[in-house]
Every structure is written in structure tokens, then in C-alpha cells.
Amino acid sequence: MNKQFSKRDTVVIALILFSMFFGAGNLIFPPMVGKLAGTNMPIGMLFFGITAVFLPVLGMMAVAKTRGLPALGERVGKKFAVFFTVIIYMSIGPFLAIPRAGSVPFEMAIAPYLPAGFSGSLALFIYTVVFFAASGIISIADDKSMQNIMGNILTPALLIMLLALFIASLFHNMPVYNPPMEEYAVQPMIKGFIDGYLTMDTLAALNFGLVVTLAIEAHGVRDEKKILGINIQISLIAGAILFLIYLMLADIGAKSAALFPDTTNGAQILVHVSRMFFGKFGAVILALIFTLACLTTCVGLLISISRYFEELIPRIKYRSWVILWTLISLVFANIGLDGILKYNIPVLTAIYPVSIMLIVLALCEKIAGTGALMYRSTIYITALISLVNALDQAGLKLPVLTALAEKLPLYKSGLGWLLPGFIIFIITGIADKLLSKNRT
């Protein structure tokens, strides 16, 4: 018998989902988009929202329908499902996103205020030990305790401070938007779309979808249609909050351009404006914002990655996986992170398009079906073009393949996969339908 799932339960889990999405990149990139886009900020953020909000929401729905990324990946093939899922988890987990989430708050909101002569490496180590200990403890807690901590304490506190920052900007005599700069002056739509990759939210959605489904089931809901309906509601609420916060941060970034023209990233923008709005207390607010945003994201990632690997290798239990990934993340947060971050964009260029096409295929299931020919052809063509583009960005050109890929529309913008992927999807989808009719 299904337990009543209240509106309050829906809002609490939506807040948890928002907080799991909203990490270091989500804080840093929108202000910089606002600064660079200037008067083109609305159109730039609209297309930024496609890859940073709309696709993640669709990803949540796709995973809710298929019961997780591995099950979705198996429509391409069992080996692909394992390989791609592990790649996704490693890239948004202990080898990139989690260490970044542990070190960014320190570097941007604490390190600038350390006393002269105080060891930065020692301070970083102390901070990350406390940070990852808290992340691990919350991740290991039972579902009810985790939901109470995340949904009733951490996320509301984060939202209150973000709103305070935006409201303060409304009461200050901030300048008007500057003219757009760099690619936002020429291709604001494409640039906004590509910059949305950097939040990594579409990748995260493929992993958080099952976490949300399990949270719903923990309330006693068992009916699959009801779970899917609740999942959609939660995803839409979380997506709406995400987009509103992105617009607020982009607005602050756009207005700050004339005041702080030398800033080179969104974190610097937030440091400057928080000082301007709140004086010395601004450092405390910013440190709390960065820490809470990154802590909640780390918890979501640790939970999802540990649950997957417990299922993949059952002899190692969930608690042990949480401890392992937490320790690895702690190490990478203190050494070697700069080198990993250099490959941030190439890695995302390689795997983001595949994630997008998996979501599209899953959501078009009623129309296109789940044919193996369609799934494999679409995903492998998309993956090949994206991989060539990623290697190109990393300075590794493949003589023949790169020359062919460069002839594709939008290749230089990082969207060379788009047209071939959808053409193959349509052709093979029709072919699968015809083949299935012939068999019957």
C-alpha cells in the first residue's frame, strides 16, 4: 500500500536535488557569463539554461523512466553501459568534480584572507579534511537523517545567503550592463549553450535521478507511475530554482563588469561584490555560500557513485565505497588538481553530447522505440565525433578523422556532433520500425 507523499516531501526533496546540482561550477560560471555577455546576457543565459537546467531536468526524467544510467546504457550494450557509467562517475566524482568542490571554496573564499606567512598548503589540508569528513558522515547517514540535514538545514541556509547577495545588489547603485565581449558578442546562443556544459549538471542528472527515486521509495511509494510523476514534479521545482539563481548570479556579473573589469572568473566577481555589499562580513558570507554549495554537491555525488559501485561490486559495501571515494577526493583536492582541471573542457566535450543523445533517445521511446540499431548507431556516431573534437581541443589531432570532422557544421563551436547525431537517430529509428514490422 502506498504511503501518502505530501507536498512538503516534494519540496524538501526538490531542495535536496537543487543543492546536489548547485556546486562550485554553478556558482562560478553564471557571473562570468553575465560579465562577458553584457547586454546579450538574457539570450546567453537562455541557451546556458538549455544545457545547465533544461537538459538536466530531462535527464532526471529519462533516468526515472529507465531506473538509472546503467539500465539506460544497456540499451546500447552491456559493455557500453559499464564503461560509460564508470567514465561519468569518475569525471563528476573523485577524479574531477568532488576534489574541485573541496578545494574551490578554500581557494576563493578562505585563502585570500589568511594571515601573511601562514602555510596555504597546511590550511588547505585542514580545511579539506574537515570538509570531506562532513561530506562522508552525511553520505553514510541513513536516508531520513540525510534528508533532514540537506533539506531542512543546509539547502535553506544556502538559498537565504544567495538571496541576500542578490537583494543587496538591488539596493546598491550598480552600473548598467556593458556591451558583450568575446564570443558572446558574435555567437551568444552557441557560446551560452557550450558554457552550460561546464556546470556538469546533465552528467549529474544521469546519476542523481536514481537517488531521487530511492528517496521517494523511502517514503513508502511503490507505484511506478506515481514515482515517475513525483520525480517529474521534483525535477521541475529544482530546475526552476536553479535557473532563477543562475539569472541572479548572471545579473550580478553583468552589472559588475564596469566596476571590476579585470576579473577573470566568476569567483573573483563574487569576492569583489560581497566585499562591496557587506564589507568584512562579506568574506564570511561568501565562504559559507561556497562551502555549503560544494558540501551538498559532494554528498549527492558520493551517495550516487557509492551506490552504483556497491551494485557493480557487491562484496564491497556502500559505507566502504563512501570512505574510499572520500579519501581519494581528499588526496586530489590537495595535490594534482590543477593538472586535472586543464582537461576539464576536453573531457566534457567528449562525454556531454553522448549524455544528451541518451536522454533524447530515452524521452522519445514512445515514438522511436528502443531499437538496438538506433541506439548503437546514434550513440557511437555522436561519441566518435565528440571524441575527435575533445582530442583536437587537447592538441591531439587525428590526421584523417580530424580533417573529416572539421567539415561538419558547428564543429569549431564544439557542436559538430549535433547534426549527424540527429540525422542518424531519425534514419535508424525509421529503419528499426521497418525491420520490426517485417519480423512480424
Protein backbone atom coordinates (compact mmCIF):
# COMPACT_ATOMS: atom_id res chain seq x y z
CA MET A 1 0.00 0.00 0.00
CA ASN A 2 1.41 3.41 -0.99
CA LYS A 3 2.05 5.95 1.71
CA GLN A 4 0.79 9.48 1.05
CA PHE A 5 3.60 11.58 -0.41
CA SER A 6 2.94 15.11 0.81
CA LYS A 7 3.65 18.43 -0.87
CA ARG A 8 6.17 19.12 1.87
CA ASP A 9 8.02 15.89 0.98
CA THR A 10 8.09 17.02 -2.65
CA VAL A 11 9.52 20.45 -1.76
CA VAL A 12 12.12 19.02 0.66
CA ILE A 13 13.44 16.51 -1.89
CA ALA A 14 13.38 19.21 -4.61
CA LEU A 15 15.53 21.40 -2.36
CA ILE A 16 17.90 18.48 -1.82
CA LEU A 17 18.11 17.90 -5.57
CA PHE A 18 18.81 21.60 -6.19
CA SER A 19 21.57 21.56 -3.59
CA MET A 20 23.14 18.44 -5.11
CA PHE A 21 23.25 20.15 -8.50
CA PHE A 22 24.44 23.51 -7.19
CA GLY A 23 28.18 23.23 -6.61
CA ALA A 24 31.38 25.12 -7.37
CA GLY A 25 30.85 25.42 -11.12
CA ASN A 26 27.27 26.57 -10.67
CA LEU A 27 28.50 29.46 -8.54
CA ILE A 28 31.45 30.43 -10.70
CA PHE A 29 30.19 30.26 -14.29
CA PRO A 30 26.92 32.31 -14.32
CA PRO A 31 28.57 35.54 -13.01
CA MET A 32 31.24 35.25 -15.69
CA VAL A 33 28.63 34.57 -18.37
CA GLY A 34 26.85 37.73 -17.18
CA LYS A 35 30.04 39.79 -17.36
CA LEU A 36 31.05 38.57 -20.84
CA ALA A 37 27.54 38.58 -22.31
CA GLY A 38 26.65 42.07 -21.03
CA THR A 39 23.58 43.28 -22.90
CA ASN A 40 23.35 39.83 -24.51
CA MET A 41 23.03 38.27 -21.06
CA PRO A 42 19.31 37.31 -21.39
CA ILE A 43 19.81 35.39 -24.65
CA GLY A 44 23.14 33.93 -23.47
CA MET A 45 21.58 32.72 -20.22
CA LEU A 46 18.55 31.32 -22.02
CA PHE A 47 20.82 28.99 -24.02
CA PHE A 48 23.06 28.42 -20.99
CA GLY A 49 19.88 27.22 -19.29
CA ILE A 50 19.29 24.62 -22.01
CA THR A 51 22.41 22.62 -21.10
CA ALA A 52 22.59 23.68 -17.43
CA VAL A 53 18.89 23.35 -16.48
CA PHE A 54 16.54 22.03 -19.19
CA LEU A 55 18.65 19.02 -20.19
CA PRO A 56 19.38 18.06 -16.55
CA VAL A 57 15.64 18.10 -15.85
CA LEU A 58 15.05 15.90 -18.90
CA GLY A 59 17.92 13.69 -17.73
CA MET A 60 16.20 13.21 -14.37
CA MET A 61 13.03 12.17 -16.19
CA ALA A 62 14.91 9.79 -18.50
CA VAL A 63 16.69 8.07 -15.62
CA ALA A 64 13.47 7.88 -13.60
CA LYS A 65 11.87 6.04 -16.53
CA THR A 66 14.74 3.58 -17.00
CA ARG A 67 15.71 3.09 -13.33
CA GLY A 68 19.21 4.50 -13.57
CA LEU A 69 22.01 5.29 -16.00
CA PRO A 70 23.29 1.68 -16.21
CA ALA A 71 19.86 0.48 -17.35
CA LEU A 72 19.68 3.28 -19.91
CA GLY A 73 23.21 2.50 -21.13
CA GLU A 74 22.32 -1.18 -21.59
CA ARG A 75 20.07 -0.18 -24.47
CA VAL A 76 23.32 0.48 -26.34
CA GLY A 77 25.06 -2.59 -24.93
CA LYS A 78 26.11 -4.11 -21.59
CA LYS A 79 29.80 -3.31 -22.03
CA PHE A 80 28.98 0.25 -23.08
CA ALA A 81 26.70 0.64 -20.02
CA VAL A 82 29.50 -0.26 -17.61
CA PHE A 83 32.21 1.69 -19.45
CA PHE A 84 30.18 4.88 -19.92
CA THR A 85 28.71 4.83 -16.41
CA VAL A 86 32.16 4.45 -14.86
CA ILE A 87 33.52 7.27 -17.05
CA ILE A 88 30.65 9.54 -15.98
CA TYR A 89 31.08 8.72 -12.31
CA MET A 90 34.82 9.22 -12.39
CA SER A 91 34.57 12.55 -14.21
CA ILE A 92 31.92 14.02 -11.92
CA GLY A 93 33.27 12.12 -8.94
CA PRO A 94 36.66 11.61 -7.27
CA PHE A 95 38.83 12.49 -10.27
CA LEU A 96 37.38 15.92 -11.02
CA ALA A 97 34.16 17.36 -9.61
CA ILE A 98 34.41 16.23 -5.97
CA PRO A 99 38.05 17.36 -5.47
CA ARG A 100 37.18 20.65 -7.21
CA ALA A 101 34.23 21.10 -4.87
CA GLY A 102 36.54 20.58 -1.89
CA SER A 103 39.32 22.94 -2.96
CA VAL A 104 37.42 25.77 -4.71
CA PRO A 105 35.70 27.12 -1.55
CA PHE A 106 39.07 27.31 0.17
CA GLU A 107 40.91 28.93 -2.72
CA MET A 108 38.22 31.51 -3.45
CA ALA A 109 36.72 32.35 -0.07
CA ILE A 110 39.29 31.48 2.59
CA ALA A 111 42.84 31.60 1.17
CA PRO A 112 42.66 35.35 0.31
CA TYR A 113 42.03 36.16 3.98
CA LEU A 114 44.75 34.02 5.57
CA PRO A 115 47.40 35.87 7.63
CA ALA A 116 50.66 36.61 5.82
CA GLY A 117 53.16 33.81 6.28
CA PHE A 118 50.55 31.20 7.15
CA SER A 119 51.07 28.00 5.17
CA GLY A 120 48.46 27.82 2.43
CA SER A 121 49.04 24.09 1.85
CA LEU A 122 48.58 23.31 5.56
CA ALA A 123 45.45 25.44 5.74
CA LEU A 124 44.06 23.73 2.61
CA PHE A 125 44.75 20.31 4.13
CA ILE A 126 42.99 21.21 7.40
CA TYR A 127 40.02 22.69 5.55
CA THR A 128 39.62 19.74 3.17
CA VAL A 129 39.93 17.18 5.99
CA VAL A 130 37.03 18.86 7.82
CA PHE A 131 35.10 19.36 4.57
CA PHE A 132 35.39 15.77 3.36
CA ALA A 133 34.82 14.35 6.84
CA ALA A 134 31.49 16.21 6.94
CA SER A 135 30.65 15.05 3.38
CA GLY A 136 31.41 11.43 4.24
CA ILE A 137 29.46 11.45 7.52
CA ILE A 138 26.33 12.90 5.87
CA SER A 139 26.65 10.44 2.96
CA ILE A 140 26.83 7.46 5.31
CA ALA A 141 23.86 8.63 7.41
CA ASP A 142 20.50 6.90 6.93
CA ASP A 143 18.13 8.36 4.32
CA LYS A 144 15.90 10.15 6.84
CA SER A 145 18.82 11.85 8.62
CA MET A 146 20.41 12.82 5.29
CA GLN A 147 17.17 14.35 4.05
CA ASN A 148 16.70 16.31 7.28
CA ILE A 149 20.25 17.70 7.17
CA MET A 150 20.19 18.53 3.46
CA GLY A 151 16.56 19.58 3.00
CA ASN A 152 15.83 21.34 6.28
CA ILE A 153 19.17 22.89 7.26
CA LEU A 154 21.91 23.15 4.62
CA THR A 155 19.88 23.99 1.50
CA PRO A 156 17.61 26.64 3.11
CA ALA A 157 20.71 28.29 4.59
CA LEU A 158 22.39 28.31 1.17
CA LEU A 159 19.33 29.79 -0.54
CA ILE A 160 18.95 32.51 2.11
CA MET A 161 22.55 33.65 1.64
CA LEU A 162 22.30 33.60 -2.16
CA LEU A 163 19.11 35.68 -1.99
CA ALA A 164 20.79 38.07 0.43
CA LEU A 165 23.61 38.60 -2.08
CA PHE A 166 21.16 39.33 -4.90
CA ILE A 167 18.90 41.58 -2.82
CA ALA A 168 21.97 43.55 -1.71
CA SER A 169 22.83 44.12 -5.38
CA LEU A 170 19.39 45.67 -5.92
CA PHE A 171 19.95 48.21 -3.14
CA HIS A 172 23.37 49.30 -4.42
CA ASN A 173 23.82 51.73 -7.27
CA MET A 174 25.13 49.13 -9.71
CA PRO A 175 26.05 50.15 -13.29
CA VAL A 176 24.05 49.11 -16.35
CA TYR A 177 25.17 46.18 -18.50
CA ASN A 178 28.26 46.65 -20.67
CA PRO A 179 28.34 45.72 -24.37
CA PRO A 180 29.00 41.98 -24.92
CA MET A 181 32.58 40.72 -25.16
CA GLU A 182 34.45 37.92 -26.93
CA GLU A 183 32.24 35.14 -28.35
CA TYR A 184 29.16 36.49 -26.59
CA ALA A 185 29.31 39.47 -28.95
CA VAL A 186 29.23 37.18 -32.01
CA GLN A 187 27.53 33.90 -31.06
CA PRO A 188 25.77 34.40 -27.70
CA MET A 189 23.42 31.45 -28.25
CA ILE A 190 26.10 28.89 -29.12
CA LYS A 191 28.51 30.21 -26.50
CA GLY A 192 25.83 30.10 -23.80
CA PHE A 193 24.89 26.55 -24.83
CA ILE A 194 28.51 25.33 -24.64
CA ASP A 195 29.22 27.15 -21.36
CA GLY A 196 26.30 25.28 -19.82
CA TYR A 197 28.40 22.12 -20.20
CA LEU A 198 30.76 23.45 -17.53
CA THR A 199 28.19 23.09 -14.75
CA MET A 200 28.26 19.31 -15.45
CA ASP A 201 24.60 19.17 -14.42
CA THR A 202 23.41 16.98 -17.29
CA LEU A 203 26.01 14.39 -16.30
CA ALA A 204 24.99 14.74 -12.66
CA ALA A 205 21.32 14.30 -13.56
CA LEU A 206 22.02 10.88 -15.03
CA ASN A 207 23.32 9.87 -11.59
CA PHE A 208 21.04 11.85 -9.25
CA GLY A 209 17.88 10.54 -10.93
CA LEU A 210 18.11 7.19 -9.18
CA VAL A 211 18.99 8.85 -5.84
CA VAL A 212 15.75 10.84 -6.02
CA THR A 213 13.76 7.74 -6.99
CA LEU A 214 15.16 5.88 -3.97
CA ALA A 215 14.31 8.86 -1.74
CA ILE A 216 10.71 8.73 -2.99
CA GLU A 217 10.54 4.97 -2.39
CA ALA A 218 11.91 5.51 1.13
CA HIS A 219 8.61 7.33 1.86
CA GLY A 220 6.70 4.14 1.07
CA VAL A 221 5.72 4.93 -2.54
CA ARG A 222 5.86 1.81 -4.74
CA ASP A 223 3.67 2.53 -7.76
CA GLU A 224 5.99 3.18 -10.74
CA LYS A 225 3.69 5.72 -12.42
CA LYS A 226 3.35 7.66 -9.19
CA ILE A 227 7.12 7.59 -8.63
CA LEU A 228 7.69 8.93 -12.15
CA GLY A 229 5.08 11.68 -11.64
CA ILE A 230 6.62 12.76 -8.32
CA ASN A 231 10.10 12.62 -9.86
CA ILE A 232 8.99 14.96 -12.65
CA GLN A 233 7.50 17.43 -10.13
CA ILE A 234 10.68 17.39 -8.04
CA SER A 235 12.89 17.86 -11.11
CA LEU A 236 10.83 20.81 -12.38
CA ILE A 237 10.90 22.56 -8.99
CA ALA A 238 14.65 22.03 -8.61
CA GLY A 239 15.22 23.19 -12.21
CA ALA A 240 13.17 26.35 -11.69
CA ILE A 241 15.16 27.23 -8.55
CA LEU A 242 18.43 26.55 -10.38
CA PHE A 243 17.54 28.82 -13.28
CA LEU A 244 16.39 31.68 -11.02
CA ILE A 245 19.65 31.51 -9.06
CA TYR A 246 21.64 31.43 -12.32
CA LEU A 247 19.83 34.56 -13.53
CA MET A 248 20.53 36.34 -10.24
CA LEU A 249 24.24 35.50 -10.39
CA ALA A 250 24.45 36.44 -14.08
CA ASP A 251 22.76 39.76 -13.35
CA ILE A 252 25.33 40.49 -10.62
CA GLY A 253 28.14 39.54 -13.03
CA ALA A 254 26.78 41.73 -15.83
CA LYS A 255 26.42 44.76 -13.54
CA SER A 256 29.86 44.24 -12.00
CA ALA A 257 31.72 44.40 -15.35
CA ALA A 258 32.13 48.19 -15.25
CA LEU A 259 33.18 48.12 -11.58
CA PHE A 260 35.65 45.24 -11.76
CA PRO A 261 36.87 44.98 -15.38
CA ASP A 262 39.98 42.96 -14.51
CA THR A 263 38.17 39.95 -13.02
CA THR A 264 38.93 36.77 -14.95
CA ASN A 265 36.46 34.34 -13.38
CA GLY A 266 33.13 34.24 -11.58
CA ALA A 267 34.69 33.56 -8.18
CA GLN A 268 36.64 36.82 -8.33
CA ILE A 269 33.44 38.66 -9.23
CA LEU A 270 31.66 37.24 -6.20
CA VAL A 271 34.60 38.09 -3.91
CA HIS A 272 34.57 41.71 -5.06
CA VAL A 273 30.81 42.24 -4.89
CA SER A 274 30.45 40.55 -1.49
CA ARG A 275 33.10 42.90 -0.09
CA MET A 276 31.33 45.85 -1.66
CA PHE A 277 27.91 44.84 -0.31
CA PHE A 278 28.80 43.59 3.18
CA GLY A 279 32.31 44.87 3.95
CA LYS A 280 34.44 42.50 6.02
CA PHE A 281 31.40 40.35 6.79
CA GLY A 282 31.15 39.65 3.06
CA ALA A 283 34.08 37.24 3.35
CA VAL A 284 32.16 35.17 5.89
CA ILE A 285 29.01 35.09 3.77
CA LEU A 286 30.93 34.10 0.64
CA ALA A 287 32.88 31.39 2.49
CA LEU A 288 29.61 29.93 3.79
CA ILE A 289 27.97 30.10 0.35
CA PHE A 290 30.87 28.31 -1.34
CA THR A 291 31.23 25.74 1.43
CA LEU A 292 27.51 24.88 1.65
CA ALA A 293 27.10 24.74 -2.14
CA CYS A 294 30.07 22.43 -2.55
CA LEU A 295 29.30 20.31 0.53
CA THR A 296 25.79 19.45 -0.63
CA THR A 297 27.03 18.62 -4.12
CA CYS A 298 29.76 16.37 -2.71
CA VAL A 299 27.20 14.49 -0.63
CA GLY A 300 24.98 13.90 -3.68
CA LEU A 301 27.92 12.69 -5.77
CA LEU A 302 29.32 10.44 -3.03
CA ILE A 303 25.92 8.83 -2.48
CA SER A 304 25.25 8.17 -6.17
CA ILE A 305 28.72 6.91 -7.05
CA SER A 306 28.95 4.68 -3.95
CA ARG A 307 25.54 3.12 -4.58
CA TYR A 308 26.50 2.35 -8.16
CA PHE A 309 29.79 0.68 -7.25
CA GLU A 310 28.15 -1.31 -4.46
CA GLU A 311 25.80 -2.69 -7.11
CA LEU A 312 28.69 -3.28 -9.54
CA ILE A 313 30.96 -4.94 -6.93
CA PRO A 314 28.61 -6.19 -4.15
CA ARG A 315 31.35 -7.66 -1.96
CA ILE A 316 32.44 -4.10 -1.11
CA LYS A 317 29.67 -2.42 0.85
CA TYR A 318 28.26 1.09 0.42
CA ARG A 319 29.95 2.50 3.55
CA SER A 320 33.38 1.32 2.34
CA TRP A 321 32.85 2.88 -1.07
CA VAL A 322 31.94 6.23 0.53
CA ILE A 323 35.12 6.14 2.61
CA LEU A 324 37.26 5.16 -0.40
CA TRP A 325 35.93 7.90 -2.71
CA THR A 326 36.13 10.46 0.10
CA LEU A 327 39.80 9.66 0.75
CA ILE A 328 40.69 9.72 -2.97
CA SER A 329 38.92 13.07 -3.33
CA LEU A 330 40.81 14.43 -0.33
CA VAL A 331 44.11 13.48 -1.94
CA PHE A 332 43.24 15.04 -5.32
CA ALA A 333 41.94 18.19 -3.65
CA ASN A 334 45.39 18.73 -2.14
CA ILE A 335 47.68 17.57 -4.97
CA GLY A 336 47.42 17.40 -8.73
CA LEU A 337 44.06 19.13 -9.15
CA ASP A 338 45.40 21.89 -11.40
CA GLY A 339 46.60 19.31 -13.90
CA ILE A 340 43.24 17.57 -13.94
CA LEU A 341 41.33 20.82 -14.41
CA LYS A 342 43.29 21.53 -17.59
CA TYR A 343 41.41 18.68 -19.21
CA ASN A 344 38.03 19.75 -17.85
CA ILE A 345 36.67 21.12 -21.14
CA PRO A 346 38.03 18.30 -23.41
CA VAL A 347 36.56 15.65 -21.09
CA LEU A 348 33.17 17.36 -21.10
CA THR A 349 33.34 17.80 -24.89
CA ALA A 350 33.80 14.02 -25.20
CA ILE A 351 31.06 12.80 -22.86
CA TYR A 352 28.42 15.56 -22.69
CA PRO A 353 27.00 15.02 -26.23
CA VAL A 354 26.65 11.28 -25.59
CA SER A 355 24.72 12.04 -22.40
CA ILE A 356 22.46 14.44 -24.29
CA MET A 357 21.67 11.89 -27.01
CA LEU A 358 20.98 9.17 -24.42
CA ILE A 359 18.45 11.50 -22.79
CA VAL A 360 16.84 12.33 -26.15
CA LEU A 361 16.59 8.64 -27.08
CA ALA A 362 15.04 7.71 -23.74
CA LEU A 363 12.46 10.50 -23.87
CA CYS A 364 11.49 9.63 -27.46
CA GLU A 365 10.88 5.99 -26.53
CA LYS A 366 7.13 6.05 -27.23
CA ILE A 367 7.68 7.40 -30.73
CA ALA A 368 11.02 5.86 -31.73
CA GLY A 369 11.10 2.71 -29.60
CA THR A 370 14.27 1.22 -28.11
CA GLY A 371 15.80 -0.49 -31.15
CA ALA A 372 19.41 -1.60 -30.81
CA LEU A 373 20.34 -0.31 -34.28
CA MET A 374 19.05 3.18 -33.46
CA TYR A 375 20.69 3.34 -30.02
CA ARG A 376 24.06 1.99 -31.11
CA SER A 377 24.34 3.97 -34.35
CA THR A 378 23.27 7.26 -32.77
CA ILE A 379 25.44 6.93 -29.67
CA TYR A 380 28.57 5.63 -31.41
CA ILE A 381 28.49 8.31 -34.15
CA THR A 382 27.96 11.01 -31.51
CA ALA A 383 30.74 9.56 -29.35
CA LEU A 384 33.20 9.33 -32.25
CA ILE A 385 32.73 12.94 -33.37
CA SER A 386 32.81 14.20 -29.77
CA LEU A 387 35.99 12.25 -29.02
CA VAL A 388 37.73 13.63 -32.11
CA ASN A 389 36.68 17.15 -31.07
CA ALA A 390 37.91 16.58 -27.49
CA LEU A 391 41.30 15.30 -28.66
CA ASP A 392 41.51 18.28 -31.02
CA GLN A 393 40.91 20.65 -28.07
CA ALA A 394 43.62 18.82 -26.12
CA GLY A 395 46.07 19.36 -29.00
CA LEU A 396 45.94 15.78 -30.31
CA LYS A 397 44.79 15.84 -33.92
CA LEU A 398 43.92 12.57 -35.64
CA PRO A 399 45.06 13.16 -39.26
CA VAL A 400 42.15 11.73 -41.24
CA LEU A 401 39.32 11.86 -38.69
CA THR A 402 40.02 15.43 -37.61
CA ALA A 403 40.13 16.62 -41.22
CA LEU A 404 36.75 14.98 -41.89
CA ALA A 405 35.21 16.23 -38.63
CA GLU A 406 36.30 19.81 -39.35
CA LYS A 407 34.00 19.81 -42.39
CA LEU A 408 30.94 19.28 -40.14
CA PRO A 409 28.68 22.27 -39.36
CA LEU A 410 29.39 23.87 -35.96
CA TYR A 411 32.48 21.70 -35.36
CA LYS A 412 34.64 24.64 -34.32
CA SER A 413 31.96 25.63 -31.81
CA GLY A 414 32.03 22.16 -30.23
CA LEU A 415 28.69 21.11 -31.75
CA GLY A 416 29.89 19.09 -34.73
CA TRP A 417 28.04 16.04 -33.35
CA LEU A 418 24.65 17.74 -33.35
CA LEU A 419 23.50 17.38 -36.98
CA PRO A 420 24.99 13.90 -37.67
CA GLY A 421 23.69 12.60 -34.35
CA PHE A 422 20.11 13.63 -35.03
CA ILE A 423 20.19 12.55 -38.70
CA ILE A 424 21.42 9.08 -37.71
CA PHE A 425 18.81 8.98 -34.93
CA ILE A 426 15.97 9.66 -37.39
CA ILE A 427 17.22 7.32 -40.14
CA THR A 428 17.95 4.36 -37.85
CA GLY A 429 14.76 4.95 -35.89
CA ILE A 430 12.75 4.56 -39.10
CA ALA A 431 14.87 1.55 -40.10
CA ASP A 432 14.23 -0.14 -36.74
CA LYS A 433 10.49 0.41 -37.15
CA LEU A 434 10.51 -1.11 -40.66
CA LEU A 435 12.63 -4.09 -39.55
CA SER A 436 10.34 -4.80 -36.61
CA LYS A 437 7.28 -4.74 -38.93
CA ASN A 438 8.96 -7.14 -41.36
CA ARG A 439 9.70 -9.56 -38.50
CA THR A 440 6.03 -9.62 -37.54
